[in-house]
Amino acid sequence: MAYSEKFQQLADAAIAQIKSAPPDQVDALLAQGAVALDIRDKEEHDADHLAGSLHVSRGKLEMNIEGVLPDLNITVLCYCNANNRGALSANTLRQMGYVNARYIAGGLKAYRALG
């Protein structure tokens, strides 16, 4: 998908600032207590998502996340289909005080590609 230049610049800046979680490490991180956070739209989440993941759409993230995840120290693995929205969300969470917010590199597509 072709994104606008300004959107991609924002996403690239977030990617440069936020630590990613490689898709092959997601299961281990979840087993250690990390939380997967699907930030895609409801329709995307309903079609497919990581088992056990929480869903807060990107558009309502800042308004709703504290009610869903009150622990600022928990490891949060934000994901979308690829990278951009996940990285933007993880960056926002870091700005809100979630010190262990990360994004799943390659998103749900990369995770599913592992089989």
C-alpha atoms as a PDB file:
ATOM      1  CA  MET A   1       0.000   0.000   0.000  1.00  0.00           C
ATOM      2  CA  ALA A   2       1.280   3.460  -0.874  1.00  0.00           C
ATOM      3  CA  TYR A   3       1.279   5.808   2.090  1.00  0.00           C
ATOM      4  CA  SER A   4       1.557   9.564   2.076  1.00  0.00           C
ATOM      5  CA  GLU A   5       5.067  10.912   2.472  1.00  0.00           C
ATOM      6  CA  LYS A   6       4.296  12.623   5.787  1.00  0.00           C
ATOM      7  CA  PHE A   7       2.675   9.514   7.262  1.00  0.00           C
ATOM      8  CA  GLN A   8       5.650   7.391   6.243  1.00  0.00           C
ATOM      9  CA  GLN A   9       8.045   9.934   7.764  1.00  0.00           C
ATOM     10  CA  LEU A  10       6.168   9.719  11.076  1.00  0.00           C
ATOM     11  CA  ALA A  11       6.189   5.933  10.950  1.00  0.00           C
ATOM     12  CA  ASP A  12       9.888   5.797  10.050  1.00  0.00           C
ATOM     13  CA  ALA A  13      10.719   8.104  12.961  1.00  0.00           C
ATOM     14  CA  ALA A  14       8.763   5.850  15.331  1.00  0.00           C
ATOM     15  CA  ILE A  15      10.479   2.744  13.958  1.00  0.00           C
ATOM     16  CA  ALA A  16      13.866   4.388  14.569  1.00  0.00           C
ATOM     17  CA  GLN A  17      12.971   5.172  18.201  1.00  0.00           C
ATOM     18  CA  ILE A  18      11.145   2.032  19.315  1.00  0.00           C
ATOM     19  CA  LYS A  19      12.503  -1.434  19.889  1.00  0.00           C
ATOM     20  CA  SER A  20      10.865  -4.129  17.815  1.00  0.00           C
ATOM     21  CA  ALA A  21      10.074  -7.700  18.719  1.00  0.00           C
ATOM     22  CA  PRO A  22      11.095 -10.154  16.001  1.00  0.00           C
ATOM     23  CA  PRO A  23       8.140 -12.342  15.016  1.00  0.00           C
ATOM     24  CA  ASP A  24      10.012 -15.514  15.980  1.00  0.00           C
ATOM     25  CA  GLN A  25      10.331 -14.220  19.564  1.00  0.00           C
ATOM     26  CA  VAL A  26       6.685 -13.239  20.051  1.00  0.00           C
ATOM     27  CA  ASP A  27       5.522 -16.566  21.502  1.00  0.00           C
ATOM     28  CA  ALA A  28       8.368 -16.597  24.030  1.00  0.00           C
ATOM     29  CA  LEU A  29       7.668 -12.996  25.050  1.00  0.00           C
ATOM     30  CA  LEU A  30       3.978 -13.769  25.496  1.00  0.00           C
ATOM     31  CA  ALA A  31       4.866 -16.830  27.595  1.00  0.00           C
ATOM     32  CA  GLN A  32       6.965 -14.528  29.795  1.00  0.00           C
ATOM     33  CA  GLY A  33       3.983 -12.245  30.434  1.00  0.00           C
ATOM     34  CA  ALA A  34       4.029  -9.783  27.554  1.00  0.00           C
ATOM     35  CA  VAL A  35       0.679  -8.621  26.197  1.00  0.00           C
ATOM     36  CA  ALA A  36      -0.086  -8.521  22.469  1.00  0.00           C
ATOM     37  CA  LEU A  37      -2.042  -5.401  21.561  1.00  0.00           C
ATOM     38  CA  ASP A  38      -3.855  -5.378  18.226  1.00  0.00           C
ATOM     39  CA  ILE A  39      -4.230  -1.741  17.250  1.00  0.00           C
ATOM     40  CA  ARG A  40      -5.906  -2.365  13.901  1.00  0.00           C
ATOM     41  CA  ASP A  41      -9.510  -1.535  13.116  1.00  0.00           C
ATOM     42  CA  LYS A  42     -12.232  -3.796  14.483  1.00  0.00           C
ATOM     43  CA  GLU A  43     -12.889  -5.369  11.077  1.00  0.00           C
ATOM     44  CA  GLU A  44      -9.228  -6.326  10.751  1.00  0.00           C
ATOM     45  CA  HIS A  45      -9.153  -7.744  14.270  1.00  0.00           C
ATOM     46  CA  ASP A  46     -12.356  -9.720  13.684  1.00  0.00           C
ATOM     47  CA  ALA A  47     -10.883 -11.260  10.513  1.00  0.00           C
ATOM     48  CA  ASP A  48      -7.674 -12.471  12.219  1.00  0.00           C
ATOM     49  CA  HIS A  49      -5.636 -11.710  15.305  1.00  0.00           C
ATOM     50  CA  LEU A  50      -3.122 -13.238  17.674  1.00  0.00           C
ATOM     51  CA  ALA A  51      -4.823 -15.573  20.119  1.00  0.00           C
ATOM     52  CA  GLY A  52      -5.283 -13.872  23.468  1.00  0.00           C
ATOM     53  CA  SER A  53      -4.446 -10.425  22.164  1.00  0.00           C
ATOM     54  CA  LEU A  54      -6.166  -7.313  23.410  1.00  0.00           C
ATOM     55  CA  HIS A  55      -7.788  -4.981  20.916  1.00  0.00           C
ATOM     56  CA  VAL A  56      -7.697  -1.205  21.121  1.00  0.00           C
ATOM     57  CA  SER A  57      -7.878   0.481  17.730  1.00  0.00           C
ATOM     58  CA  ARG A  58      -5.217   3.050  16.924  1.00  0.00           C
ATOM     59  CA  GLY A  59      -7.842   5.775  16.778  1.00  0.00           C
ATOM     60  CA  LYS A  60      -8.827   5.237  20.412  1.00  0.00           C
ATOM     61  CA  LEU A  61      -5.501   4.141  21.844  1.00  0.00           C
ATOM     62  CA  GLU A  62      -4.665   7.213  23.895  1.00  0.00           C
ATOM     63  CA  MET A  63      -8.203   7.482  25.279  1.00  0.00           C
ATOM     64  CA  ASN A  64      -8.640   3.848  26.296  1.00  0.00           C
ATOM     65  CA  ILE A  65      -5.302   2.206  26.973  1.00  0.00           C
ATOM     66  CA  GLU A  66      -5.016   3.096  30.657  1.00  0.00           C
ATOM     67  CA  GLY A  67      -8.300   1.349  31.385  1.00  0.00           C
ATOM     68  CA  VAL A  68      -7.168  -1.742  29.507  1.00  0.00           C
ATOM     69  CA  LEU A  69      -3.512  -1.816  30.626  1.00  0.00           C
ATOM     70  CA  PRO A  70      -2.967   0.111  33.867  1.00  0.00           C
ATOM     71  CA  ASP A  71       0.531  -1.376  34.465  1.00  0.00           C
ATOM     72  CA  LEU A  72       3.083   0.974  32.887  1.00  0.00           C
ATOM     73  CA  ASN A  73       5.837  -1.630  33.282  1.00  0.00           C
ATOM     74  CA  ILE A  74       4.217  -4.498  31.393  1.00  0.00           C
ATOM     75  CA  THR A  75       5.760  -5.477  28.065  1.00  0.00           C
ATOM     76  CA  VAL A  76       3.305  -4.485  25.356  1.00  0.00           C
ATOM     77  CA  LEU A  77       3.729  -5.844  21.840  1.00  0.00           C
ATOM     78  CA  CYS A  78       1.768  -3.570  19.524  1.00  0.00           C
ATOM     79  CA  TYR A  79       0.935  -4.949  16.136  1.00  0.00           C
ATOM     80  CA  CYS A  80      -0.818  -4.109  12.913  1.00  0.00           C
ATOM     81  CA  ASN A  81      -0.573  -5.891   9.573  1.00  0.00           C
ATOM     82  CA  ALA A  82       3.026  -4.798   8.921  1.00  0.00           C
ATOM     83  CA  ASN A  83       5.046  -2.156  10.809  1.00  0.00           C
ATOM     84  CA  ASN A  84       3.797   1.400  10.643  1.00  0.00           C
ATOM     85  CA  ARG A  85       0.718   1.537  12.876  1.00  0.00           C
ATOM     86  CA  GLY A  86       2.315  -0.853  15.354  1.00  0.00           C
ATOM     87  CA  ALA A  87       5.422   1.295  15.643  1.00  0.00           C
ATOM     88  CA  LEU A  88       3.412   4.508  15.912  1.00  0.00           C
ATOM     89  CA  SER A  89       1.312   2.949  18.657  1.00  0.00           C
ATOM     90  CA  ALA A  90       4.322   1.661  20.580  1.00  0.00           C
ATOM     91  CA  ASN A  91       5.909   5.099  20.316  1.00  0.00           C
ATOM     92  CA  THR A  92       2.740   6.712  21.656  1.00  0.00           C
ATOM     93  CA  LEU A  93       2.634   4.250  24.545  1.00  0.00           C
ATOM     94  CA  ARG A  94       6.263   5.027  25.390  1.00  0.00           C
ATOM     95  CA  GLN A  95       5.382   8.732  25.462  1.00  0.00           C
ATOM     96  CA  MET A  96       2.526   7.874  27.831  1.00  0.00           C
ATOM     97  CA  GLY A  97       4.908   6.095  30.208  1.00  0.00           C
ATOM     98  CA  TYR A  98       4.704   2.463  29.053  1.00  0.00           C
ATOM     99  CA  VAL A  99       8.426   1.826  29.358  1.00  0.00           C
ATOM    100  CA  ASN A 100       8.367  -1.618  27.704  1.00  0.00           C
ATOM    101  CA  ALA A 101       6.204  -0.833  24.687  1.00  0.00           C
ATOM    102  CA  ARG A 102       7.450  -2.482  21.500  1.00  0.00           C
ATOM    103  CA  TYR A 103       6.032  -3.396  18.127  1.00  0.00           C
ATOM    104  CA  ILE A 104       6.074  -6.725  16.338  1.00  0.00           C
ATOM    105  CA  ALA A 105       8.427  -6.343  13.377  1.00  0.00           C
ATOM    106  CA  GLY A 106       6.516  -7.115  10.218  1.00  0.00           C
ATOM    107  CA  GLY A 107       3.252  -7.255  12.148  1.00  0.00           C
ATOM    108  CA  LEU A 108       0.693 -10.016  11.931  1.00  0.00           C
ATOM    109  CA  LYS A 109       1.757 -10.880   8.378  1.00  0.00           C
ATOM    110  CA  ALA A 110       5.333 -11.647   9.456  1.00  0.00           C
ATOM    111  CA  TYR A 111       4.119 -13.624  12.462  1.00  0.00           C
ATOM    112  CA  ARG A 112       1.723 -15.696  10.338  1.00  0.00           C
ATOM    113  CA  ALA A 113       4.464 -16.290   7.754  1.00  0.00           C
ATOM    114  CA  LEU A 114       6.347 -18.305  10.393  1.00  0.00           C
ATOM    115  CA  GLY A 115       3.647 -20.956  10.139  1.00  0.00           C
END
